[in-house]
Amino acid sequence: MTAHSTAPRKGNQVAPIAAHSLNGRKTPDHVAIIMDGNGRWAQQRGLPRLEGHRAGTDNVNRLLEAMGRYGIKYVTLYAFSTENWSRPRDEVMGLMAILQDVVAREAANLHSQNVRLRYLGRTDRLTPALWQAIRSALELTQNNTGLNLSVAFDYGGRDEIVQAVRRIVREGIPPGEITEELFQRYLYTCELPDPDLVIRTGGEQRLSNFLTWQSAYSEYYCSNVFWPDFDEAELERVLEAFSQRKRRFGGLDSAV
């Protein structure tokens, strides 16, 4: 279980997995997605914003199946940020109700597909019913060995860093012992490799406080497609663009 209440792992952090080839094309192992454009998708159709969020959740299963076919091992979805609390109360409570319904409805399906579900973010501000649904899903899928699906809810990259610092201070770790490797063990993502690729849908071109530490060397792709319409064809275009990137991680191309 990966959540705010989870103790940091004391072993070495999982090392990033290099992108591999599928049919001769380099593909990412870890894809993180900022699922933007749900509200605008609904407004274009004369629907309430919450209907866009429901359409967005319906799209998750289709994309997970497609990503599995491309050999992607880790998928992280940005579902609700720490800043989203500033939205109208009706929308916030509606989002929580949608997530609770989706988790309760899809947990068994994810389990049958050998998907490991993880939660990234704070838990102290969730409704008790929502947190119970999430805990049940995490426990049900915790031993699965297939695709790892992480849902970032009430998540903020800066908040995650602050929470990690607080835990390090509480444990009395001397400043001289704090390294990047140690710090990573106190993040919500301590059991995950850093994302190879961060996708934002909906046409905006910013990270919006998502995986601030982990995305330092991620590749980025901004899609103009609203999340409910982000299909396998668009995913194919994104992966094709990723396959053309050269990732040097601060070094030089070996051919130079």
Protein backbone atom coordinates (compact mmCIF):
# COMPACT_ATOMS: atom_id res chain seq x y z
CA MET A 1 0.00 0.00 0.00
CA THR A 2 1.39 3.39 -0.92
CA ALA A 3 -0.34 6.18 0.96
CA HIS A 4 0.34 8.93 3.47
CA SER A 5 0.21 6.49 6.37
CA THR A 6 2.68 4.03 4.82
CA ALA A 7 6.08 3.87 6.51
CA PRO A 8 9.06 4.54 4.22
CA ARG A 9 10.83 1.54 2.87
CA LYS A 10 14.23 0.98 4.48
CA GLY A 11 15.81 -0.90 1.61
CA ASN A 12 17.15 0.58 -1.59
CA GLN A 13 14.71 2.44 -3.78
CA VAL A 14 13.51 0.60 -6.85
CA ALA A 15 15.94 1.58 -9.61
CA PRO A 16 14.45 3.24 -12.70
CA ILE A 17 13.73 0.70 -15.43
CA ALA A 18 15.13 1.62 -18.82
CA ALA A 19 12.65 2.03 -21.64
CA HIS A 20 12.54 -1.08 -23.79
CA SER A 21 11.72 -1.88 -27.38
CA LEU A 22 8.42 -3.21 -28.69
CA ASN A 23 8.41 -4.17 -32.35
CA GLY A 24 11.60 -2.20 -32.76
CA ARG A 25 10.23 0.94 -31.08
CA LYS A 26 11.40 2.33 -27.75
CA THR A 27 8.51 2.59 -25.30
CA PRO A 28 8.35 3.96 -21.75
CA ASP A 29 8.00 1.71 -18.73
CA HIS A 30 6.33 4.37 -16.57
CA VAL A 31 3.78 6.80 -18.00
CA ALA A 32 2.24 9.53 -15.82
CA ILE A 33 -0.84 11.36 -17.06
CA ILE A 34 -2.39 14.69 -16.10
CA MET A 35 -5.97 13.93 -17.13
CA ASP A 36 -7.07 17.43 -18.10
CA GLY A 37 -10.03 18.70 -20.10
CA ASN A 38 -12.92 16.76 -18.53
CA GLY A 39 -14.85 19.88 -17.59
CA ARG A 40 -14.31 21.57 -20.96
CA TRP A 41 -15.31 18.34 -22.73
CA ALA A 42 -18.62 18.44 -20.86
CA GLN A 43 -19.20 22.15 -21.41
CA GLN A 44 -18.74 21.75 -25.17
CA ARG A 45 -21.60 19.24 -25.05
CA GLY A 46 -23.85 21.32 -22.83
CA LEU A 47 -23.38 18.93 -19.91
CA PRO A 48 -22.55 19.56 -16.24
CA ARG A 49 -18.81 19.45 -15.49
CA LEU A 50 -19.23 16.30 -13.38
CA GLU A 51 -20.43 14.44 -16.45
CA GLY A 52 -17.05 15.17 -18.00
CA HIS A 53 -15.32 13.68 -14.97
CA ARG A 54 -17.49 10.57 -15.25
CA ALA A 55 -16.60 10.27 -18.93
CA GLY A 56 -12.96 10.63 -17.96
CA THR A 57 -13.13 7.72 -15.52
CA ASP A 58 -14.82 5.59 -18.17
CA ASN A 59 -11.81 6.20 -20.41
CA VAL A 60 -9.29 4.83 -17.91
CA ASN A 61 -9.99 1.15 -18.55
CA ARG A 62 -9.66 1.55 -22.31
CA LEU A 63 -6.30 3.27 -21.98
CA LEU A 64 -4.99 0.79 -19.42
CA GLU A 65 -5.71 -2.06 -21.83
CA ALA A 66 -3.91 -0.22 -24.62
CA MET A 67 -0.92 0.57 -22.44
CA GLY A 68 -0.67 -3.04 -21.39
CA ARG A 69 -0.43 -4.04 -25.05
CA TYR A 70 2.49 -1.63 -25.47
CA GLY A 71 4.33 -3.22 -22.55
CA ILE A 72 3.97 -0.24 -20.21
CA LYS A 73 4.47 -1.46 -16.64
CA TYR A 74 3.57 1.58 -14.54
CA VAL A 75 0.77 4.11 -15.05
CA THR A 76 0.20 7.05 -12.70
CA LEU A 77 -2.96 9.14 -13.04
CA TYR A 78 -3.37 12.64 -11.61
CA ALA A 79 -6.99 12.59 -10.43
CA PHE A 80 -7.25 15.39 -7.83
CA SER A 81 -4.66 17.91 -6.69
CA THR A 82 -4.17 19.60 -3.33
CA GLU A 83 -5.19 22.81 -5.09
CA ASN A 84 -8.46 21.34 -6.39
CA TRP A 85 -10.03 21.90 -2.97
CA SER A 86 -10.53 25.52 -4.08
CA ARG A 87 -13.13 24.42 -6.64
CA PRO A 88 -16.85 24.73 -5.85
CA ARG A 89 -17.89 22.40 -3.02
CA ASP A 90 -20.46 20.61 -5.17
CA GLU A 91 -17.78 19.69 -7.73
CA VAL A 92 -15.31 18.57 -5.05
CA MET A 93 -17.85 16.34 -3.32
CA GLY A 94 -19.00 15.06 -6.70
CA LEU A 95 -15.41 14.08 -7.59
CA MET A 96 -15.07 12.19 -4.32
CA ALA A 97 -18.34 10.38 -4.95
CA ILE A 98 -17.24 9.46 -8.48
CA LEU A 99 -13.90 8.10 -7.24
CA GLN A 100 -15.60 6.11 -4.49
CA ASP A 101 -18.03 4.60 -6.99
CA VAL A 102 -15.28 3.79 -9.50
CA VAL A 103 -13.01 2.19 -6.89
CA ALA A 104 -15.80 0.06 -5.49
CA ARG A 105 -17.00 -0.95 -8.97
CA GLU A 106 -13.63 -1.58 -10.61
CA ALA A 107 -11.54 -3.13 -7.82
CA ALA A 108 -12.58 -6.70 -8.65
CA ASN A 109 -12.05 -6.07 -12.37
CA LEU A 110 -8.55 -4.70 -11.80
CA HIS A 111 -7.78 -7.65 -9.54
CA SER A 112 -8.92 -10.12 -12.20
CA GLN A 113 -6.51 -8.44 -14.63
CA ASN A 114 -3.60 -8.78 -12.16
CA VAL A 115 -3.34 -4.98 -11.79
CA ARG A 116 -1.66 -3.63 -8.65
CA LEU A 117 -3.44 -0.51 -7.41
CA ARG A 118 -1.55 2.16 -5.45
CA TYR A 119 -2.68 5.42 -3.86
CA LEU A 120 -0.48 8.53 -3.87
CA GLY A 121 -1.45 11.50 -1.75
CA ARG A 122 -2.89 12.61 1.54
CA THR A 123 -5.59 10.55 3.21
CA ASP A 124 -6.55 12.75 6.16
CA ARG A 125 -8.98 14.88 4.13
CA LEU A 126 -10.87 12.08 2.39
CA THR A 127 -14.34 11.06 3.48
CA PRO A 128 -14.28 7.91 5.65
CA ALA A 129 -16.32 6.00 3.07
CA LEU A 130 -13.93 6.91 0.25
CA TRP A 131 -10.84 5.98 2.25
CA GLN A 132 -12.40 2.65 3.23
CA ALA A 133 -13.16 1.87 -0.43
CA ILE A 134 -9.58 2.73 -1.38
CA ARG A 135 -8.09 0.65 1.43
CA SER A 136 -10.16 -2.36 0.42
CA ALA A 137 -9.00 -2.04 -3.20
CA LEU A 138 -5.35 -1.64 -2.15
CA GLU A 139 -5.52 -4.72 0.05
CA LEU A 140 -7.28 -6.76 -2.64
CA THR A 141 -4.66 -6.03 -5.29
CA GLN A 142 -1.50 -5.70 -3.19
CA ASN A 143 0.00 -9.03 -4.31
CA ASN A 144 -0.75 -8.64 -8.01
CA THR A 145 2.23 -8.70 -10.35
CA GLY A 146 0.90 -7.10 -13.54
CA LEU A 147 0.55 -3.45 -14.46
CA ASN A 148 0.99 -1.00 -11.55
CA LEU A 149 -1.76 1.64 -11.51
CA SER A 150 -1.16 4.57 -9.15
CA VAL A 151 -3.90 7.13 -8.55
CA ALA A 152 -2.74 10.51 -7.27
CA PHE A 153 -5.65 11.98 -5.31
CA ASP A 154 -5.36 14.93 -2.92
CA TYR A 155 -1.81 14.99 -4.23
CA GLY A 156 0.59 17.89 -4.69
CA GLY A 157 4.26 17.64 -5.54
CA ARG A 158 5.28 20.41 -3.14
CA ASP A 159 3.09 19.01 -0.37
CA GLU A 160 4.65 15.57 -0.90
CA ILE A 161 8.12 17.06 -0.41
CA VAL A 162 7.04 18.94 2.74
CA GLN A 163 5.48 15.77 4.19
CA ALA A 164 8.70 13.85 3.45
CA VAL A 165 10.80 16.49 5.21
CA ARG A 166 8.53 16.39 8.25
CA ARG A 167 8.87 12.62 8.52
CA ILE A 168 12.65 12.80 8.20
CA VAL A 169 12.78 15.43 10.96
CA ARG A 170 10.47 13.40 13.22
CA GLU A 171 12.77 10.42 12.87
CA GLY A 172 15.74 12.50 13.90
CA ILE A 173 17.90 11.71 10.87
CA PRO A 174 21.10 13.82 10.99
CA PRO A 175 21.41 16.32 8.11
CA GLY A 176 24.68 14.78 6.96
CA GLU A 177 22.92 11.46 6.33
CA ILE A 178 20.24 12.93 4.06
CA THR A 179 20.96 12.02 0.45
CA GLU A 180 18.77 12.01 -2.64
CA GLU A 181 18.39 8.25 -2.32
CA LEU A 182 17.29 8.50 1.32
CA PHE A 183 14.90 11.36 0.57
CA GLN A 184 13.22 9.37 -2.19
CA ARG A 185 12.34 6.66 0.33
CA TYR A 186 10.08 9.13 2.13
CA LEU A 187 8.04 10.05 -0.94
CA TYR A 188 4.68 8.51 -1.79
CA THR A 189 6.37 6.95 -4.83
CA CYS A 190 9.11 5.22 -2.85
CA GLU A 191 8.32 1.86 -4.48
CA LEU A 192 8.03 3.21 -8.02
CA PRO A 193 10.57 4.14 -10.70
CA ASP A 194 10.51 7.74 -11.87
CA PRO A 195 8.22 8.36 -14.86
CA ASP A 196 9.82 8.10 -18.28
CA LEU A 197 7.00 10.11 -19.85
CA VAL A 198 4.54 12.67 -18.50
CA ILE A 199 1.49 13.32 -20.69
CA ARG A 200 -0.89 16.23 -20.21
CA THR A 201 -4.16 16.21 -22.12
CA GLY A 202 -6.45 19.15 -22.82
CA GLY A 203 -3.93 21.48 -24.45
CA GLU A 204 -2.44 23.11 -21.34
CA GLN A 205 1.35 23.15 -21.05
CA ARG A 206 2.25 23.00 -17.37
CA LEU A 207 2.91 20.36 -14.71
CA SER A 208 0.45 21.74 -12.16
CA ASN A 209 2.41 20.50 -9.15
CA PHE A 210 2.53 16.90 -10.36
CA LEU A 211 5.47 14.62 -9.47
CA THR A 212 7.71 17.62 -8.87
CA TRP A 213 10.67 15.59 -7.61
CA GLN A 214 10.17 12.49 -9.73
CA SER A 215 9.81 14.19 -13.13
CA ALA A 216 13.19 15.93 -13.10
CA TYR A 217 14.33 13.92 -16.15
CA SER A 218 10.99 12.83 -17.57
CA GLU A 219 10.03 13.48 -21.17
CA TYR A 220 6.91 15.63 -21.61
CA TYR A 221 4.11 15.53 -24.16
CA CYS A 222 1.20 17.98 -24.27
CA SER A 223 -1.83 16.69 -26.19
CA ASN A 224 -4.63 18.98 -27.35
CA VAL A 225 -7.14 16.13 -26.93
CA PHE A 226 -9.44 16.31 -23.92
CA TRP A 227 -8.98 13.33 -21.62
CA PRO A 228 -12.37 11.64 -22.33
CA ASP A 229 -11.41 11.56 -26.03
CA PHE A 230 -7.79 10.47 -25.51
CA ASP A 231 -7.84 7.11 -27.30
CA GLU A 232 -5.39 4.50 -28.48
CA ALA A 233 -4.71 6.40 -31.71
CA GLU A 234 -3.60 9.45 -29.72
CA LEU A 235 -1.58 7.23 -27.41
CA GLU A 236 0.12 5.80 -30.51
CA ARG A 237 1.09 9.34 -31.59
CA VAL A 238 2.47 10.11 -28.14
CA LEU A 239 4.53 6.92 -28.01
CA GLU A 240 5.83 7.53 -31.51
CA ALA A 241 7.04 10.98 -30.42
CA PHE A 242 8.62 9.48 -27.30
CA SER A 243 10.48 6.92 -29.39
CA GLN A 244 12.23 9.79 -31.20
CA ARG A 245 13.51 11.42 -28.03
CA LYS A 246 17.11 11.01 -26.86
CA ARG A 247 17.38 10.77 -23.08
CA ARG A 248 20.84 11.77 -21.87
CA PHE A 249 20.14 12.41 -18.16
CA GLY A 250 22.64 15.27 -18.15
CA GLY A 251 25.30 13.39 -20.08
CA LEU A 252 26.28 13.33 -23.74
CA ASP A 253 24.98 11.19 -26.56
CA SER A 254 27.30 8.21 -26.94
CA ALA A 255 27.52 9.01 -30.63
CA VAL A 256 28.94 12.50 -29.96
